[in-house]
Each structure stands twice: as structure tokens, then as C-alpha cells.
Amino acid sequence: MKTELVTTLKRQATKLLAELHREKEPVLITEHGKPSAYLVDVDSFENLLRRIKLLEGLARGEKAILESRVISHDNAKKKMSRWLE
């Protein structure tokens, strides 16, 4: 991963954005020698959000199974019938 100073971002934003779009590699922005932010392209960020939502859904499902909050496929189909028609 590439690391850049915040001053480089201020002075060369157009160049950094062009590299970001071309290489699709996140850029760590540092300020006073410490990590401050990540610069990522839109497609990568949106992909990350989709993955997070999927993982959250899986975690809710696993929790429901552990808590025995499950129903049969037939019962689920009956409950969902108004959306499946």
C-alpha cells in the first residue's frame, strides 16, 4: 500500500487521484507522522460496503441459529408468499 503525506495530497491531489483510479490501490494519508485517512477509489469502497452488509447478514443468521430462532423452509415460504408472488 502506498503512503503519502497530507501535504502531498494537498499539493498533488489530481496526480494522486489519477494513480488511484489507474492502480486501484488504497493510499494511506499520514499527518504529523501518524495515519490519518485512507484514500480509496469509489468502486473499491462500494465493494467494501457490499461485503460488510453481506457479512453482517451472515452474522445475524449465525446468531439466530445459535439462539434457535429458526423456522423450516416451508414455514418461511408461507411467511414470504406475499413477496414471492
PDB file of N, CA and C in Angstrom:
ATOM      1  N   MET A   1       0.838  -1.171   0.000  1.00  0.00           N
ATOM      2  CA  MET A   1       0.000   0.000   0.000  1.00  0.00           C
ATOM      3  C   MET A   1       0.887   1.240   0.000  1.00  0.00           C
ATOM      4  N   LYS A   2       0.455   2.192  -0.751  1.00  0.00           N
ATOM      5  CA  LYS A   2       1.192   3.445  -0.872  1.00  0.00           C
ATOM      6  C   LYS A   2       0.863   4.351   0.313  1.00  0.00           C
ATOM      7  N   THR A   3       1.854   5.088   0.800  1.00  0.00           N
ATOM      8  CA  THR A   3       1.673   6.043   1.887  1.00  0.00           C
ATOM      9  C   THR A   3       2.110   7.418   1.407  1.00  0.00           C
ATOM     10  N   GLU A   4       1.294   8.412   1.704  1.00  0.00           N
ATOM     11  CA  GLU A   4       1.603   9.782   1.305  1.00  0.00           C
ATOM     12  C   GLU A   4       1.334  10.734   2.464  1.00  0.00           C
ATOM     13  N   LEU A   5       2.069  11.829   2.479  1.00  0.00           N
ATOM     14  CA  LEU A   5       1.851  12.881   3.464  1.00  0.00           C
ATOM     15  C   LEU A   5       0.613  13.681   3.089  1.00  0.00           C
ATOM     16  N   VAL A   6      -0.046  14.250   4.072  1.00  0.00           N
ATOM     17  CA  VAL A   6      -1.211  15.073   3.803  1.00  0.00           C
ATOM     18  C   VAL A   6      -0.829  16.278   2.938  1.00  0.00           C
ATOM     19  N   THR A   7       0.386  16.767   3.093  1.00  0.00           N
ATOM     20  CA  THR A   7       0.824  17.897   2.256  1.00  0.00           C
ATOM     21  C   THR A   7       0.947  17.487   0.791  1.00  0.00           C
ATOM     22  N   THR A   8       1.343  16.243   0.547  1.00  0.00           N
ATOM     23  CA  THR A   8       1.398  15.738  -0.827  1.00  0.00           C
ATOM     24  C   THR A   8      -0.010  15.673  -1.407  1.00  0.00           C
ATOM     25  N   LEU A   9      -0.966  15.241  -0.602  1.00  0.00           N
ATOM     26  CA  LEU A   9      -2.353  15.203  -1.052  1.00  0.00           C
ATOM     27  C   LEU A   9      -2.828  16.607  -1.413  1.00  0.00           C
ATOM     28  N   LYS A  10      -2.493  17.583  -0.583  1.00  0.00           N
ATOM     29  CA  LYS A  10      -2.905  18.962  -0.850  1.00  0.00           C
ATOM     30  C   LYS A  10      -2.283  19.495  -2.142  1.00  0.00           C
ATOM     31  N   ARG A  11      -1.019  19.187  -2.356  1.00  0.00           N
ATOM     32  CA  ARG A  11      -0.289  19.756  -3.493  1.00  0.00           C
ATOM     33  C   ARG A  11      -0.473  18.975  -4.790  1.00  0.00           C
ATOM     34  N   GLN A  12      -0.713  17.661  -4.673  1.00  0.00           N
ATOM     35  CA  GLN A  12      -0.753  16.820  -5.871  1.00  0.00           C
ATOM     36  C   GLN A  12      -2.016  15.953  -5.914  1.00  0.00           C
ATOM     37  N   ALA A  13      -3.132  16.521  -5.510  1.00  0.00           N
ATOM     38  CA  ALA A  13      -4.374  15.753  -5.438  1.00  0.00           C
ATOM     39  C   ALA A  13      -4.744  15.143  -6.787  1.00  0.00           C
ATOM     40  N   THR A  14      -4.646  15.912  -7.849  1.00  0.00           N
ATOM     41  CA  THR A  14      -5.017  15.407  -9.173  1.00  0.00           C
ATOM     42  C   THR A  14      -4.153  14.219  -9.574  1.00  0.00           C
ATOM     43  N   LYS A  15      -2.857  14.321  -9.319  1.00  0.00           N
ATOM     44  CA  LYS A  15      -1.932  13.227  -9.650  1.00  0.00           C
ATOM     45  C   LYS A  15      -2.253  11.986  -8.809  1.00  0.00           C
ATOM     46  N   LEU A  16      -2.468  12.171  -7.507  1.00  0.00           N
ATOM     47  CA  LEU A  16      -2.783  11.033  -6.636  1.00  0.00           C
ATOM     48  C   LEU A  16      -4.090  10.359  -7.038  1.00  0.00           C
ATOM     49  N   LEU A  17      -5.088  11.165  -7.393  1.00  0.00           N
ATOM     50  CA  LEU A  17      -6.364  10.591  -7.819  1.00  0.00           C
ATOM     51  C   LEU A  17      -6.218   9.810  -9.122  1.00  0.00           C
ATOM     52  N   ALA A  18      -5.421  10.328 -10.043  1.00  0.00           N
ATOM     53  CA  ALA A  18      -5.192   9.617 -11.307  1.00  0.00           C
ATOM     54  C   ALA A  18      -4.527   8.266 -11.051  1.00  0.00           C
ATOM     55  N   GLU A  19      -3.532   8.245 -10.163  1.00  0.00           N
ATOM     56  CA  GLU A  19      -2.859   6.991  -9.813  1.00  0.00           C
ATOM     57  C   GLU A  19      -3.835   6.039  -9.115  1.00  0.00           C
ATOM     58  N   LEU A  20      -4.658   6.582  -8.245  1.00  0.00           N
ATOM     59  CA  LEU A  20      -5.635   5.776  -7.519  1.00  0.00           C
ATOM     60  C   LEU A  20      -6.608   5.100  -8.479  1.00  0.00           C
ATOM     61  N   HIS A  21      -7.107   5.846  -9.444  1.00  0.00           N
ATOM     62  CA  HIS A  21      -8.044   5.277 -10.425  1.00  0.00           C
ATOM     63  C   HIS A  21      -7.363   4.231 -11.303  1.00  0.00           C
ATOM     64  N   ARG A  22      -6.117   4.464 -11.626  1.00  0.00           N
ATOM     65  CA  ARG A  22      -5.386   3.545 -12.502  1.00  0.00           C
ATOM     66  C   ARG A  22      -4.978   2.274 -11.764  1.00  0.00           C
ATOM     67  N   GLU A  23      -4.429   2.419 -10.565  1.00  0.00           N
ATOM     68  CA  GLU A  23      -3.855   1.276  -9.844  1.00  0.00           C
ATOM     69  C   GLU A  23      -4.841   0.579  -8.908  1.00  0.00           C
ATOM     70  N   LYS A  24      -5.916   1.261  -8.532  1.00  0.00           N
ATOM     71  CA  LYS A  24      -6.920   0.694  -7.615  1.00  0.00           C
ATOM     72  C   LYS A  24      -6.320   0.259  -6.284  1.00  0.00           C
ATOM     73  N   GLU A  25      -5.249   0.914  -5.875  1.00  0.00           N
ATOM     74  CA  GLU A  25      -4.583   0.585  -4.611  1.00  0.00           C
ATOM     75  C   GLU A  25      -4.824   1.716  -3.612  1.00  0.00           C
ATOM     76  N   PRO A  26      -5.346   1.405  -2.419  1.00  0.00           N
ATOM     77  CA  PRO A  26      -5.583   2.461  -1.426  1.00  0.00           C
ATOM     78  C   PRO A  26      -4.306   3.209  -1.075  1.00  0.00           C
ATOM     79  N   VAL A  27      -4.474   4.458  -0.685  1.00  0.00           N
ATOM     80  CA  VAL A  27      -3.351   5.291  -0.278  1.00  0.00           C
ATOM     81  C   VAL A  27      -3.580   5.695   1.179  1.00  0.00           C
ATOM     82  N   LEU A  28      -2.603   5.414   2.027  1.00  0.00           N
ATOM     83  CA  LEU A  28      -2.662   5.823   3.422  1.00  0.00           C
ATOM     84  C   LEU A  28      -2.127   7.250   3.510  1.00  0.00           C
ATOM     85  N   ILE A  29      -2.944   8.146   4.044  1.00  0.00           N
ATOM     86  CA  ILE A  29      -2.540   9.532   4.210  1.00  0.00           C
ATOM     87  C   ILE A  29      -2.084   9.719   5.655  1.00  0.00           C
ATOM     88  N   THR A  30      -0.878  10.262   5.815  1.00  0.00           N
ATOM     89  CA  THR A  30      -0.361  10.489   7.164  1.00  0.00           C
ATOM     90  C   THR A  30      -0.295  11.981   7.452  1.00  0.00           C
ATOM     91  N   GLU A  31      -0.444  12.276   8.734  1.00  0.00           N
ATOM     92  CA  GLU A  31      -0.387  13.657   9.194  1.00  0.00           C
ATOM     93  C   GLU A  31       0.460  13.673  10.460  1.00  0.00           C
ATOM     94  N   HIS A  32       1.509  14.447  10.451  1.00  0.00           N
ATOM     95  CA  HIS A  32       2.456  14.506  11.576  1.00  0.00           C
ATOM     96  C   HIS A  32       3.016  13.121  11.895  1.00  0.00           C
ATOM     97  N   GLY A  33       3.242  12.320  10.849  1.00  0.00           N
ATOM     98  CA  GLY A  33       3.842  11.003  11.001  1.00  0.00           C
ATOM     99  C   GLY A  33       2.895   9.905  11.446  1.00  0.00           C
ATOM    100  N   LYS A  34       1.614  10.231  11.585  1.00  0.00           N
ATOM    101  CA  LYS A  34       0.641   9.240  12.041  1.00  0.00           C
ATOM    102  C   LYS A  34      -0.440   9.027  10.989  1.00  0.00           C
ATOM    103  N   PRO A  35      -0.970   7.805  10.888  1.00  0.00           N
ATOM    104  CA  PRO A  35      -2.051   7.543   9.937  1.00  0.00           C
ATOM    105  C   PRO A  35      -3.241   8.461  10.210  1.00  0.00           C
ATOM    106  N   SER A  36      -3.784   9.032   9.149  1.00  0.00           N
ATOM    107  CA  SER A  36      -4.882   9.967   9.297  1.00  0.00           C
ATOM    108  C   SER A  36      -6.123   9.535   8.524  1.00  0.00           C
ATOM    109  N   ALA A  37      -5.906   8.978   7.314  1.00  0.00           N
ATOM    110  CA  ALA A  37      -7.048   8.592   6.479  1.00  0.00           C
ATOM    111  C   ALA A  37      -6.573   7.655   5.378  1.00  0.00           C
ATOM    112  N   TYR A  38      -7.532   6.954   4.793  1.00  0.00           N
ATOM    113  CA  TYR A  38      -7.265   6.154   3.607  1.00  0.00           C
ATOM    114  C   TYR A  38      -7.980   6.805   2.435  1.00  0.00           C
ATOM    115  N   LEU A  39      -7.315   6.829   1.313  1.00  0.00           N
ATOM    116  CA  LEU A  39      -7.900   7.314   0.077  1.00  0.00           C
ATOM    117  C   LEU A  39      -8.128   6.089  -0.799  1.00  0.00           C
ATOM    118  N   VAL A  40      -9.406   5.827  -1.141  1.00  0.00           N
ATOM    119  CA  VAL A  40      -9.737   4.653  -1.945  1.00  0.00           C
ATOM    120  C   VAL A  40     -10.631   5.081  -3.105  1.00  0.00           C
ATOM    121  N   ASP A  41     -10.575   4.331  -4.198  1.00  0.00           N
ATOM    122  CA  ASP A  41     -11.427   4.641  -5.337  1.00  0.00           C
ATOM    123  C   ASP A  41     -12.862   4.240  -5.026  1.00  0.00           C
ATOM    124  N   VAL A  42     -13.799   4.837  -5.726  1.00  0.00           N
ATOM    125  CA  VAL A  42     -15.224   4.649  -5.462  1.00  0.00           C
ATOM    126  C   VAL A  42     -15.640   3.177  -5.606  1.00  0.00           C
ATOM    127  N   ASP A  43     -15.200   2.511  -6.675  1.00  0.00           N
ATOM    128  CA  ASP A  43     -15.587   1.116  -6.881  1.00  0.00           C
ATOM    129  C   ASP A  43     -15.134   0.230  -5.727  1.00  0.00           C
ATOM    130  N   SER A  44     -13.901   0.415  -5.279  1.00  0.00           N
ATOM    131  CA  SER A  44     -13.382  -0.391  -4.164  1.00  0.00           C
ATOM    132  C   SER A  44     -14.167  -0.116  -2.885  1.00  0.00           C
ATOM    133  N   PHE A  45     -14.484   1.144  -2.647  1.00  0.00           N
ATOM    134  CA  PHE A  45     -15.234   1.499  -1.443  1.00  0.00           C
ATOM    135  C   PHE A  45     -16.630   0.895  -1.472  1.00  0.00           C
ATOM    136  N   GLU A  46     -17.315   0.995  -2.608  1.00  0.00           N
ATOM    137  CA  GLU A  46     -18.658   0.430  -2.718  1.00  0.00           C
ATOM    138  C   GLU A  46     -18.632  -1.091  -2.593  1.00  0.00           C
ATOM    139  N   ASN A  47     -17.602  -1.733  -3.141  1.00  0.00           N
ATOM    140  CA  ASN A  47     -17.420  -3.179  -2.976  1.00  0.00           C
ATOM    141  C   ASN A  47     -17.266  -3.529  -1.502  1.00  0.00           C
ATOM    142  N   LEU A  48     -16.480  -2.746  -0.805  1.00  0.00           N
ATOM    143  CA  LEU A  48     -16.252  -2.962   0.624  1.00  0.00           C
ATOM    144  C   LEU A  48     -17.557  -2.844   1.403  1.00  0.00           C
ATOM    145  N   LEU A  49     -18.370  -1.841   1.081  1.00  0.00           N
ATOM    146  CA  LEU A  49     -19.662  -1.695   1.761  1.00  0.00           C
ATOM    147  C   LEU A  49     -20.567  -2.886   1.500  1.00  0.00           C
ATOM    148  N   ARG A  50     -20.585  -3.393   0.262  1.00  0.00           N
ATOM    149  CA  ARG A  50     -21.403  -4.575  -0.046  1.00  0.00           C
ATOM    150  C   ARG A  50     -20.929  -5.785   0.748  1.00  0.00           C
ATOM    151  N   ARG A  51     -19.627  -5.955   0.857  1.00  0.00           N
ATOM    152  CA  ARG A  51     -19.081  -7.080   1.620  1.00  0.00           C
ATOM    153  C   ARG A  51     -19.450  -6.979   3.092  1.00  0.00           C
ATOM    154  N   ILE A  52     -19.377  -5.773   3.634  1.00  0.00           N
ATOM    155  CA  ILE A  52     -19.721  -5.569   5.042  1.00  0.00           C
ATOM    156  C   ILE A  52     -21.181  -5.928   5.282  1.00  0.00           C
ATOM    157  N   LYS A  53     -22.080  -5.470   4.395  1.00  0.00           N
ATOM    158  CA  LYS A  53     -23.502  -5.790   4.548  1.00  0.00           C
ATOM    159  C   LYS A  53     -23.730  -7.292   4.484  1.00  0.00           C
ATOM    160  N   LEU A  54     -23.050  -7.971   3.566  1.00  0.00           N
ATOM    161  CA  LEU A  54     -23.177  -9.417   3.458  1.00  0.00           C
ATOM    162  C   LEU A  54     -22.699 -10.109   4.730  1.00  0.00           C
ATOM    163  N   LEU A  55     -21.549  -9.696   5.237  1.00  0.00           N
ATOM    164  CA  LEU A  55     -21.014 -10.297   6.457  1.00  0.00           C
ATOM    165  C   LEU A  55     -21.922 -10.034   7.659  1.00  0.00           C
ATOM    166  N   GLU A  56     -22.508  -8.834   7.727  1.00  0.00           N
ATOM    167  CA  GLU A  56     -23.437  -8.537   8.812  1.00  0.00           C
ATOM    168  C   GLU A  56     -24.661  -9.446   8.732  1.00  0.00           C
ATOM    169  N   GLY A  57     -25.159  -9.677   7.525  1.00  0.00           N
ATOM    170  CA  GLY A  57     -26.295 -10.582   7.349  1.00  0.00           C
ATOM    171  C   GLY A  57     -25.961 -11.995   7.764  1.00  0.00           C
ATOM    172  N   LEU A  58     -24.781 -12.458   7.387  1.00  0.00           N
ATOM    173  CA  LEU A  58     -24.345 -13.797   7.793  1.00  0.00           C
ATOM    174  C   LEU A  58     -24.223 -13.900   9.306  1.00  0.00           C
ATOM    175  N   ALA A  59     -23.688 -12.868   9.931  1.00  0.00           N
ATOM    176  CA  ALA A  59     -23.536 -12.874  11.388  1.00  0.00           C
ATOM    177  C   ALA A  59     -24.903 -12.921  12.073  1.00  0.00           C
ATOM    178  N   ARG A  60     -25.878 -12.160  11.542  1.00  0.00           N
ATOM    179  CA  ARG A  60     -27.232 -12.213  12.114  1.00  0.00           C
ATOM    180  C   ARG A  60     -27.826 -13.608  11.967  1.00  0.00           C
ATOM    181  N   GLY A  61     -27.601 -14.232  10.814  1.00  0.00           N
ATOM    182  CA  GLY A  61     -28.102 -15.588  10.590  1.00  0.00           C
ATOM    183  C   GLY A  61     -27.472 -16.590  11.531  1.00  0.00           C
ATOM    184  N   GLU A  62     -26.168 -16.499  11.713  1.00  0.00           N
ATOM    185  CA  GLU A  62     -25.486 -17.416  12.629  1.00  0.00           C
ATOM    186  C   GLU A  62     -25.971 -17.218  14.062  1.00  0.00           C
ATOM    187  N   LYS A  63     -26.201 -15.960  14.452  1.00  0.00           N
ATOM    188  CA  LYS A  63     -26.701 -15.688  15.801  1.00  0.00           C
ATOM    189  C   LYS A  63     -28.097 -16.277  15.972  1.00  0.00           C
ATOM    190  N   ALA A  64     -28.937 -16.124  14.953  1.00  0.00           N
ATOM    191  CA  ALA A  64     -30.297 -16.680  15.016  1.00  0.00           C
ATOM    192  C   ALA A  64     -30.247 -18.197  15.173  1.00  0.00           C
ATOM    193  N   ILE A  65     -29.339 -18.844  14.468  1.00  0.00           N
ATOM    194  CA  ILE A  65     -29.203 -20.303  14.582  1.00  0.00           C
ATOM    195  C   ILE A  65     -28.781 -20.685  16.004  1.00  0.00           C
ATOM    196  N   LEU A  66     -27.797 -19.973  16.545  1.00  0.00           N
ATOM    197  CA  LEU A  66     -27.326 -20.268  17.905  1.00  0.00           C
ATOM    198  C   LEU A  66     -28.424 -20.053  18.945  1.00  0.00           C
ATOM    199  N   GLU A  67     -29.306 -19.098  18.679  1.00  0.00           N
ATOM    200  CA  GLU A  67     -30.395 -18.799  19.615  1.00  0.00           C
ATOM    201  C   GLU A  67     -31.665 -19.591  19.292  1.00  0.00           C
ATOM    202  N   SER A  68     -31.553 -20.537  18.375  1.00  0.00           N
ATOM    203  CA  SER A  68     -32.682 -21.380  17.949  1.00  0.00           C
ATOM    204  C   SER A  68     -33.861 -20.568  17.420  1.00  0.00           C
ATOM    205  N   ARG A  69     -33.575 -19.456  16.803  1.00  0.00           N
ATOM    206  CA  ARG A  69     -34.619 -18.639  16.180  1.00  0.00           C
ATOM    207  C   ARG A  69     -34.673 -18.963  14.689  1.00  0.00           C
ATOM    208  N   VAL A  70     -35.059 -20.200  14.393  1.00  0.00           N
ATOM    209  CA  VAL A  70     -35.110 -20.652  13.009  1.00  0.00           C
ATOM    210  C   VAL A  70     -36.474 -21.274  12.724  1.00  0.00           C
ATOM    211  N   ILE A  71     -36.849 -21.274  11.442  1.00  0.00           N
ATOM    212  CA  ILE A  71     -38.091 -21.930  11.033  1.00  0.00           C
ATOM    213  C   ILE A  71     -37.787 -22.789   9.812  1.00  0.00           C
ATOM    214  N   SER A  72     -38.697 -23.679   9.503  1.00  0.00           N
ATOM    215  CA  SER A  72     -38.494 -24.568   8.359  1.00  0.00           C
ATOM    216  C   SER A  72     -38.619 -23.787   7.056  1.00  0.00           C
ATOM    217  N   HIS A  73     -38.125 -24.392   5.996  1.00  0.00           N
ATOM    218  CA  HIS A  73     -38.200 -23.773   4.676  1.00  0.00           C
ATOM    219  C   HIS A  73     -39.664 -23.542   4.282  1.00  0.00           C
ATOM    220  N   ASP A  74     -40.512 -24.531   4.532  1.00  0.00           N
ATOM    221  CA  ASP A  74     -41.930 -24.408   4.182  1.00  0.00           C
ATOM    222  C   ASP A  74     -42.599 -23.259   4.937  1.00  0.00           C
ATOM    223  N   ASN A  75     -42.304 -23.140   6.221  1.00  0.00           N
ATOM    224  CA  ASN A  75     -42.878 -22.038   7.004  1.00  0.00           C
ATOM    225  C   ASN A  75     -42.359 -20.688   6.528  1.00  0.00           C
ATOM    226  N   ALA A  76     -41.099 -20.635   6.199  1.00  0.00           N
ATOM    227  CA  ALA A  76     -40.531 -19.383   5.690  1.00  0.00           C
ATOM    228  C   ALA A  76     -41.181 -19.018   4.364  1.00  0.00           C
ATOM    229  N   LYS A  77     -41.397 -20.010   3.513  1.00  0.00           N
ATOM    230  CA  LYS A  77     -42.025 -19.778   2.222  1.00  0.00           C
ATOM    231  C   LYS A  77     -43.452 -19.246   2.403  1.00  0.00           C
ATOM    232  N   LYS A  78     -44.178 -19.794   3.369  1.00  0.00           N
ATOM    233  CA  LYS A  78     -45.541 -19.321   3.645  1.00  0.00           C
ATOM    234  C   LYS A  78     -45.518 -17.868   4.119  1.00  0.00           C
ATOM    235  N   LYS A  79     -44.586 -17.553   5.024  1.00  0.00           N
ATOM    236  CA  LYS A  79     -44.494 -16.182   5.543  1.00  0.00           C
ATOM    237  C   LYS A  79     -44.076 -15.191   4.450  1.00  0.00           C
ATOM    238  N   MET A  80     -43.288 -15.663   3.506  1.00  0.00           N
ATOM    239  CA  MET A  80     -42.776 -14.785   2.453  1.00  0.00           C
ATOM    240  C   MET A  80     -43.641 -14.806   1.193  1.00  0.00           C
ATOM    241  N   SER A  81     -44.728 -15.550   1.214  1.00  0.00           N
ATOM    242  CA  SER A  81     -45.530 -15.768  -0.014  1.00  0.00           C
ATOM    243  C   SER A  81     -46.014 -14.464  -0.638  1.00  0.00           C
ATOM    244  N   ARG A  82     -46.322 -13.480   0.175  1.00  0.00           N
ATOM    245  CA  ARG A  82     -46.811 -12.223  -0.405  1.00  0.00           C
ATOM    246  C   ARG A  82     -45.732 -11.512  -1.217  1.00  0.00           C
ATOM    247  N   TRP A  83     -44.456 -11.767  -0.919  1.00  0.00           N
ATOM    248  CA  TRP A  83     -43.360 -11.153  -1.682  1.00  0.00           C
ATOM    249  C   TRP A  83     -42.904 -12.051  -2.834  1.00  0.00           C
ATOM    250  N   LEU A  84     -43.221 -13.320  -2.765  1.00  0.00           N
ATOM    251  CA  LEU A  84     -42.763 -14.265  -3.776  1.00  0.00           C
ATOM    252  C   LEU A  84     -43.728 -14.383  -4.949  1.00  0.00           C
ATOM    253  N   GLU A  85     -44.917 -13.852  -4.829  1.00  0.00           N
ATOM    254  CA  GLU A  85     -45.919 -13.977  -5.896  1.00  0.00           C
ATOM    255  C   GLU A  85     -45.681 -12.997  -6.999  1.00  0.00           C
TER     256      GLU A  85
END
